[in-house]
Amino acid sequence: MSALTWFGLFAVSAMLLCYALESRGPWFVLAFAAACGLGSVYGFLQGAWPFGAVEAIWAAVAIHRWRRSGR
């Protein structure tokens, strides 16, 4: 596998893990946002701009949810 593929696997795995743990605290919501940001970077780097754009939107939504959570 290429380095880009490994990066994508890491990003998506981090998203899944952080999403599963969101109920444990707001810091997992923030970590989910960061993982979505990594997923967005991966999407744009591999040339799948719709995936990159949607992941960027998910990151923004997660940051908004984190800010509303009161940290």
N, C-alpha and C. Protein backbone atom coordinates (compact mmCIF):
# COMPACT_ATOMS: atom_id res chain seq x y z
N MET A 1 0.84 -1.19 0.00
CA MET A 1 0.00 0.00 0.00
C MET A 1 0.88 1.25 0.00
N SER A 2 0.38 2.27 -0.63
CA SER A 2 1.12 3.53 -0.69
C SER A 2 0.95 4.30 0.61
N ALA A 3 1.80 5.30 0.79
CA ALA A 3 1.72 6.15 1.99
C ALA A 3 0.37 6.87 2.04
N LEU A 4 -0.14 7.27 0.89
CA LEU A 4 -1.43 7.95 0.84
C LEU A 4 -2.56 7.02 1.30
N THR A 5 -2.50 5.78 0.89
CA THR A 5 -3.51 4.80 1.31
C THR A 5 -3.45 4.56 2.82
N TRP A 6 -2.25 4.46 3.37
CA TRP A 6 -2.09 4.30 4.81
C TRP A 6 -2.65 5.51 5.56
N PHE A 7 -2.38 6.70 5.02
CA PHE A 7 -2.90 7.93 5.62
C PHE A 7 -4.42 7.91 5.62
N GLY A 8 -5.02 7.51 4.51
CA GLY A 8 -6.48 7.44 4.43
C GLY A 8 -7.05 6.42 5.40
N LEU A 9 -6.40 5.28 5.51
CA LEU A 9 -6.84 4.26 6.45
C LEU A 9 -6.78 4.78 7.88
N PHE A 10 -5.71 5.47 8.21
CA PHE A 10 -5.59 6.06 9.55
C PHE A 10 -6.70 7.08 9.80
N ALA A 11 -6.94 7.97 8.83
CA ALA A 11 -7.94 9.03 8.99
C ALA A 11 -9.33 8.44 9.20
N VAL A 12 -9.70 7.50 8.38
CA VAL A 12 -11.04 6.92 8.47
C VAL A 12 -11.18 6.08 9.75
N SER A 13 -10.13 5.37 10.13
CA SER A 13 -10.17 4.58 11.36
C SER A 13 -10.30 5.50 12.58
N ALA A 14 -9.59 6.62 12.57
CA ALA A 14 -9.69 7.59 13.67
C ALA A 14 -11.09 8.18 13.73
N MET A 15 -11.67 8.46 12.57
CA MET A 15 -13.04 8.98 12.55
C MET A 15 -14.00 7.98 13.19
N LEU A 16 -13.89 6.73 12.83
CA LEU A 16 -14.77 5.70 13.36
C LEU A 16 -14.62 5.56 14.88
N LEU A 17 -13.39 5.50 15.33
CA LEU A 17 -13.12 5.36 16.76
C LEU A 17 -13.66 6.56 17.55
N CYS A 18 -13.35 7.75 17.09
CA CYS A 18 -13.79 8.95 17.80
C CYS A 18 -15.31 9.08 17.78
N TYR A 19 -15.93 8.73 16.68
CA TYR A 19 -17.39 8.78 16.60
C TYR A 19 -18.01 7.82 17.61
N ALA A 20 -17.43 6.63 17.72
CA ALA A 20 -17.94 5.64 18.65
C ALA A 20 -17.79 6.09 20.10
N LEU A 21 -16.79 6.91 20.38
CA LEU A 21 -16.51 7.34 21.75
C LEU A 21 -17.06 8.73 22.09
N GLU A 22 -17.79 9.35 21.17
CA GLU A 22 -18.28 10.72 21.39
C GLU A 22 -19.10 10.87 22.67
N SER A 23 -19.83 9.84 23.05
CA SER A 23 -20.68 9.95 24.24
C SER A 23 -19.86 10.02 25.53
N ARG A 24 -18.58 9.73 25.46
CA ARG A 24 -17.72 9.76 26.66
C ARG A 24 -17.23 11.16 27.01
N GLY A 25 -17.39 12.10 26.11
CA GLY A 25 -16.98 13.46 26.44
C GLY A 25 -16.78 14.33 25.21
N PRO A 26 -16.78 15.63 25.44
CA PRO A 26 -16.66 16.57 24.32
C PRO A 26 -15.30 16.52 23.61
N TRP A 27 -14.27 16.04 24.30
CA TRP A 27 -12.96 15.99 23.64
C TRP A 27 -12.94 14.96 22.51
N PHE A 28 -13.80 13.95 22.61
CA PHE A 28 -13.90 12.99 21.50
C PHE A 28 -14.62 13.60 20.31
N VAL A 29 -15.51 14.56 20.57
CA VAL A 29 -16.16 15.29 19.48
C VAL A 29 -15.10 16.12 18.75
N LEU A 30 -14.24 16.78 19.51
CA LEU A 30 -13.17 17.56 18.89
C LEU A 30 -12.19 16.65 18.13
N ALA A 31 -11.88 15.50 18.70
CA ALA A 31 -11.00 14.56 18.00
C ALA A 31 -11.66 14.05 16.73
N PHE A 32 -12.98 13.86 16.75
CA PHE A 32 -13.71 13.47 15.55
C PHE A 32 -13.59 14.55 14.49
N ALA A 33 -13.69 15.81 14.90
CA ALA A 33 -13.54 16.92 13.96
C ALA A 33 -12.16 16.91 13.32
N ALA A 34 -11.14 16.67 14.13
CA ALA A 34 -9.77 16.61 13.59
C ALA A 34 -9.62 15.44 12.63
N ALA A 35 -10.20 14.30 12.98
CA ALA A 35 -10.12 13.13 12.10
C ALA A 35 -10.86 13.40 10.79
N CYS A 36 -11.97 14.10 10.85
CA CYS A 36 -12.69 14.48 9.63
C CYS A 36 -11.83 15.41 8.78
N GLY A 37 -11.09 16.30 9.43
CA GLY A 37 -10.17 17.17 8.70
C GLY A 37 -9.11 16.36 7.98
N LEU A 38 -8.58 15.34 8.65
CA LEU A 38 -7.60 14.46 8.00
C LEU A 38 -8.24 13.72 6.84
N GLY A 39 -9.48 13.27 7.03
CA GLY A 39 -10.19 12.59 5.95
C GLY A 39 -10.41 13.51 4.76
N SER A 40 -10.66 14.77 5.04
CA SER A 40 -10.83 15.75 3.97
C SER A 40 -9.53 15.92 3.18
N VAL A 41 -8.44 16.06 3.91
CA VAL A 41 -7.14 16.18 3.24
C VAL A 41 -6.88 14.97 2.37
N TYR A 42 -7.16 13.79 2.91
CA TYR A 42 -6.98 12.56 2.15
C TYR A 42 -7.82 12.57 0.87
N GLY A 43 -9.08 12.96 0.98
CA GLY A 43 -9.95 13.00 -0.19
C GLY A 43 -9.42 13.91 -1.27
N PHE A 44 -8.98 15.10 -0.88
CA PHE A 44 -8.44 16.03 -1.88
C PHE A 44 -7.13 15.53 -2.47
N LEU A 45 -6.27 14.93 -1.63
CA LEU A 45 -4.99 14.42 -2.15
C LEU A 45 -5.16 13.28 -3.13
N GLN A 46 -6.16 12.46 -2.93
CA GLN A 46 -6.36 11.33 -3.83
C GLN A 46 -7.18 11.72 -5.06
N GLY A 47 -7.68 12.94 -5.09
CA GLY A 47 -8.42 13.41 -6.26
C GLY A 47 -9.91 13.22 -6.17
N ALA A 48 -10.40 12.80 -5.01
CA ALA A 48 -11.84 12.61 -4.82
C ALA A 48 -12.40 13.85 -4.12
N TRP A 49 -12.50 14.95 -4.86
CA TRP A 49 -12.88 16.21 -4.24
C TRP A 49 -14.26 16.17 -3.58
N PRO A 50 -15.26 15.41 -4.08
CA PRO A 50 -16.53 15.37 -3.34
C PRO A 50 -16.36 14.79 -1.93
N PHE A 51 -15.55 13.75 -1.80
CA PHE A 51 -15.27 13.17 -0.49
C PHE A 51 -14.56 14.19 0.39
N GLY A 52 -13.58 14.88 -0.16
CA GLY A 52 -12.86 15.90 0.59
C GLY A 52 -13.77 17.02 1.06
N ALA A 53 -14.68 17.44 0.19
CA ALA A 53 -15.60 18.52 0.55
C ALA A 53 -16.57 18.09 1.64
N VAL A 54 -17.12 16.90 1.53
CA VAL A 54 -18.07 16.42 2.53
C VAL A 54 -17.39 16.24 3.87
N GLU A 55 -16.19 15.71 3.87
CA GLU A 55 -15.45 15.55 5.14
C GLU A 55 -15.14 16.90 5.77
N ALA A 56 -14.85 17.90 4.96
CA ALA A 56 -14.61 19.24 5.50
C ALA A 56 -15.87 19.79 6.16
N ILE A 57 -17.02 19.52 5.56
CA ILE A 57 -18.29 19.95 6.15
C ILE A 57 -18.53 19.21 7.46
N TRP A 58 -18.27 17.89 7.49
CA TRP A 58 -18.42 17.13 8.73
C TRP A 58 -17.51 17.69 9.82
N ALA A 59 -16.30 18.08 9.45
CA ALA A 59 -15.38 18.66 10.43
C ALA A 59 -15.95 19.95 11.01
N ALA A 60 -16.52 20.79 10.14
CA ALA A 60 -17.11 22.05 10.61
C ALA A 60 -18.31 21.79 11.52
N VAL A 61 -19.13 20.82 11.18
CA VAL A 61 -20.29 20.47 12.01
C VAL A 61 -19.82 19.96 13.38
N ALA A 62 -18.80 19.13 13.39
CA ALA A 62 -18.29 18.58 14.66
C ALA A 62 -17.68 19.68 15.52
N ILE A 63 -16.98 20.62 14.92
CA ILE A 63 -16.43 21.75 15.69
C ILE A 63 -17.57 22.57 16.30
N HIS A 64 -18.60 22.78 15.52
CA HIS A 64 -19.77 23.51 16.03
C HIS A 64 -20.39 22.77 17.21
N ARG A 65 -20.53 21.45 17.11
CA ARG A 65 -21.08 20.64 18.20
C ARG A 65 -20.17 20.70 19.42
N TRP A 66 -18.86 20.70 19.21
CA TRP A 66 -17.92 20.77 20.32
C TRP A 66 -18.05 22.12 21.05
N ARG A 67 -18.15 23.19 20.28
CA ARG A 67 -18.29 24.52 20.89
C ARG A 67 -19.57 24.64 21.69
N ARG A 68 -20.64 24.03 21.21
CA ARG A 68 -21.94 24.09 21.92
C ARG A 68 -21.96 23.19 23.14
N SER A 69 -21.04 22.24 23.23
CA SER A 69 -21.05 21.28 24.33
C SER A 69 -20.58 21.89 25.65
N GLY A 70 -19.99 23.04 25.61
CA GLY A 70 -19.51 23.69 26.81
C GLY A 70 -18.13 23.22 27.23
N ARG A 71 -17.54 22.32 26.47
CA ARG A 71 -16.19 21.80 26.72
C ARG A 71 -16.09 21.38 28.12
